[in-house]
Structures are given as structure tokens and as C-alpha cells.
């Protein structure tokens, strides 16, 4: 196929691509091809725990800058700069979209997306109202993605490397950027190593005294509420007896 024209051994057949597809369809000819690929030179000795289990590895780095409001626990991702090793790019626009999409997913994974269950094991965060995901406003305004040049991978298709899932790992950087900002504000704080690092978790770790005060207030409210509840139940019981 060259310029939508169908060639055989370099000679124009007089057919275009549309005619070829239509003719094949009407004659029940399947133009699709199927195949399987076994990566060569892959081996691993489980007893010795040695070998070459992968054809290649994907490398990259991300620099992430955040601004943290240490009084409220909220933060903003200001800048992300990425260098990704994908071998020989096959389509830079598609590859760029894959890196940016993987980054967005990773940022949400580390900061927003939290699964919560109630005491009966039911999922509470099952809608967008309770399960937060990154949106266009969450992403940094300053986002740069660069591909490592002259890094063709001999074992990859056309010298290419994976670019779909590896960029997810870049999102981990925002977790440590926020922790570094928290550490600068409270050097002696006992910071929990737990993700996602939601604004609520940031606030409670930076100001544990607020958590203690809140729990005391909850306990006091519960104690104050017991007599009132008991009186209400007694009144309801009296009404039932009178009605009987």
C-alpha cells in the first residue's frame, strides 16, 4: 500500500485501498493477521534466583515541585519535569499522551484515590462524590516531558520500549515531595508512611493536637447525649403503654 494505492511487487494494480477492503469483505476474505511473539533469550533459574527474566528495563526520572499550606493541609502541584526512556519513539504525540496519562493516574494514586469500607465490608467510596480522581485543574500548569534521545532498544519492536504503564511510577514523586514539605514544617513530627497522602492525612499529621481535641469533643458529645436519648426512649415507651 502506497499513497492509498495497492501495489504488487512494486507495480500499481489499479486498485485503491477502499476497493481492496470492499472486495475482500464481499468475498469473505479476512484481511487481519494474527500472531504470537516469544521474547528471545529470556530465562530464569528459580532455584538459583538468577537469569534474565526481562528483555529490557524502562528508565526515567521525574522532578516534582509542590506548594503546601501547612495550616490547612492542602497542597498544589506546581511543576513536573520528566525524562522518559522509551527507546525509539514510534509516534511522539501518542507517546506523550501515554506519559501524561500515566503521570495523572500516578498522582491520583498517591494523593486522592482512597478506598474505604464500612464495618459490614461495604465499599463507601464507590462514586465520584466520595472517590476523588485527578481532573484538569489538579494537573500542574508547568508540565514538561522529554524523551531520551538515541536510546533505541534492540529487543523492542522497531527499537521501541513500553510507554503505557511505566509512567505511572512517576506519580510516586509527589508523595515524597509533600512529605519533604511536611518535614520542613514539622521536623520532629512522626510522619506515617501511608498513601494516599490526602489533605486530611496531611493536616492530622502536621497537627496531631487537633485530632486529640476532636476526639475529646466527640467523647464529650456522646456522654452528654446519653441521658437525652434515654429520656426520649422512656417517653416513647410511656406513649406506647398509654396507647395500649
Protein backbone atom coordinates (compact mmCIF):
# COMPACT_ATOMS: atom_id res chain seq x y z
CA UNK A 1 0.00 0.00 0.00
CA UNK A 2 1.48 3.34 -1.02
CA UNK A 3 -0.50 6.56 -1.05
CA UNK A 4 -3.76 4.58 -0.75
CA UNK A 5 -2.78 2.65 -3.92
CA UNK A 6 -2.40 -1.14 -3.92
CA UNK A 7 0.93 -2.35 -5.29
CA UNK A 8 2.11 -5.87 -6.10
CA UNK A 9 5.86 -6.28 -6.37
CA UNK A 10 6.13 -2.53 -6.79
CA UNK A 11 3.60 -2.34 -9.65
CA UNK A 12 0.33 -0.43 -9.40
CA UNK A 13 -2.65 -2.78 -9.66
CA UNK A 14 -5.13 -0.03 -10.46
CA UNK A 15 -6.88 -0.65 -7.16
CA UNK A 16 -7.04 1.70 -4.23
CA UNK A 17 -7.22 0.75 -0.55
CA UNK A 18 -11.01 1.21 -0.34
CA UNK A 19 -11.65 -1.11 -3.29
CA UNK A 20 -9.35 -3.76 -1.86
CA UNK A 21 -11.13 -3.74 1.50
CA UNK A 22 -14.60 -3.76 -0.06
CA UNK A 23 -13.77 -6.58 -2.48
CA UNK A 24 -12.23 -8.67 0.28
CA UNK A 25 -15.27 -8.12 2.50
CA UNK A 26 -17.76 -9.09 -0.20
CA UNK A 27 -15.77 -12.25 -0.93
CA UNK A 28 -15.50 -13.13 2.77
CA UNK A 29 -11.72 -12.75 2.81
CA UNK A 30 -10.23 -11.91 6.22
CA UNK A 31 -7.54 -9.26 5.86
CA UNK A 32 -6.50 -9.40 9.50
CA UNK A 33 -3.39 -11.26 10.62
CA UNK A 34 -2.76 -12.93 13.96
CA UNK A 35 0.48 -13.98 15.51
CA UNK A 36 2.30 -14.68 18.74
CA UNK A 37 5.63 -13.40 19.89
CA UNK A 38 8.02 -15.13 22.27
CA UNK A 39 10.68 -12.78 23.59
CA UNK A 40 14.05 -14.36 22.79
CA UNK A 41 16.86 -15.01 25.25
CA UNK A 42 14.58 -14.95 28.30
CA UNK A 43 15.35 -17.39 31.09
CA UNK A 44 15.30 -17.60 34.87
CA UNK A 45 16.55 -20.25 37.30
CA UNK A 46 14.16 -20.29 40.26
CA UNK A 47 16.49 -22.39 42.42
CA UNK A 48 19.46 -20.09 41.94
CA UNK A 49 17.29 -16.97 41.53
CA UNK A 50 19.41 -15.90 38.60
CA UNK A 51 18.76 -15.29 34.96
CA UNK A 52 17.37 -12.77 32.50
CA UNK A 53 13.61 -12.62 33.11
CA UNK A 54 13.05 -9.47 31.06
CA UNK A 55 14.23 -8.34 27.65
CA UNK A 56 14.77 -4.77 28.82
CA UNK A 57 14.00 -2.27 31.57
CA UNK A 58 12.38 1.13 31.25
CA UNK A 59 14.15 4.04 32.93
CA UNK A 60 13.14 7.59 33.64
CA UNK A 61 13.14 10.37 36.19
CA UNK A 62 10.65 12.96 37.40
CA UNK A 63 11.20 16.21 39.30
CA UNK A 64 8.05 17.30 41.13
CA UNK A 65 7.57 20.59 42.98
CA UNK A 66 4.62 21.18 45.32
CA UNK A 67 3.36 24.06 47.45
CA UNK A 68 1.89 23.01 50.81
CA UNK A 69 -0.41 25.04 53.04
CA UNK A 70 0.77 23.73 56.41
CA UNK A 71 -2.15 25.30 58.30
CA UNK A 72 -4.89 23.67 56.24
CA UNK A 73 -3.17 20.59 54.84
CA UNK A 74 -4.00 21.39 51.22
CA UNK A 75 -1.35 21.41 48.53
CA UNK A 76 -0.83 22.28 44.89
CA UNK A 77 1.39 20.54 42.35
CA UNK A 78 3.26 23.40 40.74
CA UNK A 79 5.71 21.75 38.38
CA UNK A 80 6.56 18.33 36.94
CA UNK A 81 9.51 17.69 34.64
CA UNK A 82 10.01 14.19 33.22
CA UNK A 83 12.67 12.46 31.17
CA UNK A 84 11.45 9.07 29.91
CA UNK A 85 13.44 6.36 28.19
CA UNK A 86 11.18 4.71 25.61
CA UNK A 87 13.80 3.67 23.11
CA UNK A 88 12.90 4.86 19.63
CA UNK A 89 9.59 6.80 19.63
CA UNK A 90 7.11 5.45 17.09
CA UNK A 91 4.65 8.33 17.44
CA UNK A 92 5.75 11.19 19.67
CA UNK A 93 2.24 12.59 20.10
CA UNK A 94 0.81 9.24 21.21
CA UNK A 95 3.83 8.55 23.41
CA UNK A 96 3.50 11.98 25.03
CA UNK A 97 -0.15 11.29 25.81
CA UNK A 98 0.77 7.96 27.39
CA UNK A 99 3.33 9.59 29.69
CA UNK A 100 0.99 12.40 30.70
CA UNK A 101 -1.87 9.96 31.30
CA UNK A 102 0.30 7.65 33.36
CA UNK A 103 1.50 10.61 35.41
CA UNK A 104 -2.07 11.75 36.10
CA UNK A 105 -3.01 8.26 37.25
CA UNK A 106 0.05 8.07 39.48
CA UNK A 107 -0.62 11.46 41.05
CA UNK A 108 -4.17 10.42 41.88
CA UNK A 109 -2.94 7.10 43.24
CA UNK A 110 -0.62 8.86 45.69
CA UNK A 111 -2.81 11.79 46.75
CA UNK A 112 -6.54 11.33 46.15
CA UNK A 113 -7.84 7.87 45.35
CA UNK A 114 -8.77 6.11 48.57
CA UNK A 115 -10.90 3.01 49.06
CA UNK A 116 -12.94 2.97 52.25
CA UNK A 117 -15.24 0.29 53.65
CA UNK A 118 -17.76 0.37 56.47
CA UNK A 119 -17.97 -2.15 59.32
CA UNK A 120 -20.06 -4.51 57.16
CA UNK A 121 -17.43 -4.54 54.43
CA UNK A 122 -19.41 -2.39 52.00
CA UNK A 123 -17.45 -0.04 49.77
CA UNK A 124 -18.17 3.55 50.79
CA UNK A 125 -16.06 5.33 48.15
CA UNK A 126 -17.93 3.98 45.14
CA UNK A 127 -18.85 7.21 43.36
CA UNK A 128 -17.07 10.34 42.19
CA UNK A 129 -18.57 12.20 45.14
CA UNK A 130 -16.56 10.07 47.56
CA UNK A 131 -13.78 8.66 45.35
CA UNK A 132 -11.73 11.54 44.06
CA UNK A 133 -9.76 11.30 40.82
CA UNK A 134 -7.48 13.89 39.19
CA UNK A 135 -9.12 16.40 36.89
CA UNK A 136 -7.68 19.01 34.56
CA UNK A 137 -7.38 21.53 37.41
CA UNK A 138 -5.41 19.08 39.54
CA UNK A 139 -2.64 18.73 36.97
CA UNK A 140 0.28 21.17 37.13
CA UNK A 141 0.39 24.11 34.75
CA UNK A 142 4.12 23.56 34.28
CA UNK A 143 4.47 20.06 32.80
CA UNK A 144 7.42 19.07 30.64
CA UNK A 145 8.06 15.64 29.13
CA UNK A 146 11.28 14.83 27.31
CA UNK A 147 12.23 11.56 25.64
CA UNK A 148 15.74 10.21 25.97
CA UNK A 149 17.38 10.59 22.57
CA UNK A 150 19.43 7.97 20.71
CA UNK A 151 18.28 5.17 23.00
CA UNK A 152 16.97 2.55 20.56
CA UNK A 153 16.21 -0.80 22.19
CA UNK A 154 17.40 -3.75 20.03
CA UNK A 155 14.93 -6.20 21.59
CA UNK A 156 11.90 -3.89 21.35
CA UNK A 157 9.54 -3.54 18.36
CA UNK A 158 11.22 -1.15 15.93
CA UNK A 159 13.57 -0.14 18.73
CA UNK A 160 10.71 0.95 20.99
CA UNK A 161 10.11 0.37 24.71
CA UNK A 162 6.96 0.26 26.81
CA UNK A 163 5.35 3.64 27.41
CA UNK A 164 1.88 2.67 28.66
CA UNK A 165 2.29 1.64 32.29
CA UNK A 166 5.82 2.69 33.39
CA UNK A 167 4.95 6.44 33.65
CA UNK A 168 2.53 5.56 36.47
CA UNK A 169 5.57 5.31 38.76
CA UNK A 170 6.41 8.99 38.28
CA UNK A 171 3.42 9.86 40.46
CA UNK A 172 5.23 8.42 43.49
CA UNK A 173 7.42 11.53 43.43
CA UNK A 174 4.55 13.75 44.58
CA UNK A 175 4.20 11.65 47.75
CA UNK A 176 7.78 12.34 48.76
CA UNK A 177 7.59 15.99 47.68
CA UNK A 178 4.67 16.54 50.05
CA UNK A 179 6.43 14.62 52.83
CA UNK A 180 9.54 16.77 52.39
CA UNK A 181 7.41 19.90 52.73
CA UNK A 182 5.76 18.46 55.85
CA UNK A 183 9.16 17.58 57.29
CA UNK A 184 10.39 21.12 56.70
CA UNK A 185 7.42 22.47 58.67
CA UNK A 186 7.48 19.88 61.47
CA UNK A 187 10.99 18.33 61.63
CA UNK A 188 10.14 16.30 64.75
CA UNK A 189 6.73 15.05 63.63
CA UNK A 190 6.13 11.30 63.40
CA UNK A 191 5.01 11.11 59.77
CA UNK A 192 3.18 7.94 58.78
CA UNK A 193 4.34 6.22 55.61
CA UNK A 194 0.86 5.76 54.16
CA UNK A 195 -0.77 6.59 50.86
CA UNK A 196 -2.80 8.23 49.52
CA UNK A 197 -1.49 11.35 51.21
CA UNK A 198 -4.80 13.20 51.24
CA UNK A 199 -5.12 16.74 52.62
CA UNK A 200 -6.90 15.23 55.63
CA UNK A 201 -3.93 12.98 56.39
CA UNK A 202 -1.51 15.86 55.91
CA UNK A 203 -3.46 18.04 58.34
CA UNK A 204 -3.79 15.36 61.04
CA UNK A 205 -0.08 14.51 60.85
CA UNK A 206 1.03 18.13 60.98
CA UNK A 207 -1.36 18.97 63.83
CA UNK A 208 -1.99 15.84 65.92
CA UNK A 209 -3.25 18.04 68.75
CA UNK A 210 -6.29 18.87 66.61
CA UNK A 211 -7.08 15.18 66.31
CA UNK A 212 -6.88 14.78 70.08
CA UNK A 213 -9.17 17.77 70.64
CA UNK A 214 -11.66 16.46 68.09
CA UNK A 215 -11.80 13.04 69.72
CA UNK A 216 -12.30 14.62 73.14
CA UNK A 217 -15.15 16.68 71.74
CA UNK A 218 -16.71 13.57 70.20
CA UNK A 219 -16.48 11.71 73.51
CA UNK A 220 -17.97 14.62 75.43
CA UNK A 221 -20.83 14.94 72.95
CA UNK A 222 -21.54 11.23 73.22
CA UNK A 223 -21.60 11.38 77.02
CA UNK A 224 -23.88 14.42 77.00
CA UNK A 225 -26.20 12.74 74.55
CA UNK A 226 -26.79 9.56 76.53
CA UNK A 227 -29.26 10.98 79.10
CA UNK A 228 -31.22 12.76 76.37
CA UNK A 229 -31.50 9.60 74.32
CA UNK A 230 -32.50 7.62 77.39
CA UNK A 231 -35.24 10.15 78.25
CA UNK A 232 -36.54 10.05 74.69
CA UNK A 233 -36.78 6.28 74.81
CA UNK A 234 -38.60 6.39 78.15
CA UNK A 235 -41.10 8.91 76.78
CA UNK A 236 -41.70 6.74 73.73
CA UNK A 237 -42.28 3.72 75.98
CA UNK A 238 -44.82 5.62 78.11
CA UNK A 239 -46.71 6.71 74.99
CA UNK A 240 -46.87 3.12 73.76
CA UNK A 241 -48.23 1.94 77.14
CA UNK A 242 -50.88 4.69 77.19
CA UNK A 243 -51.87 3.86 73.64
CA UNK A 244 -52.23 0.20 74.63
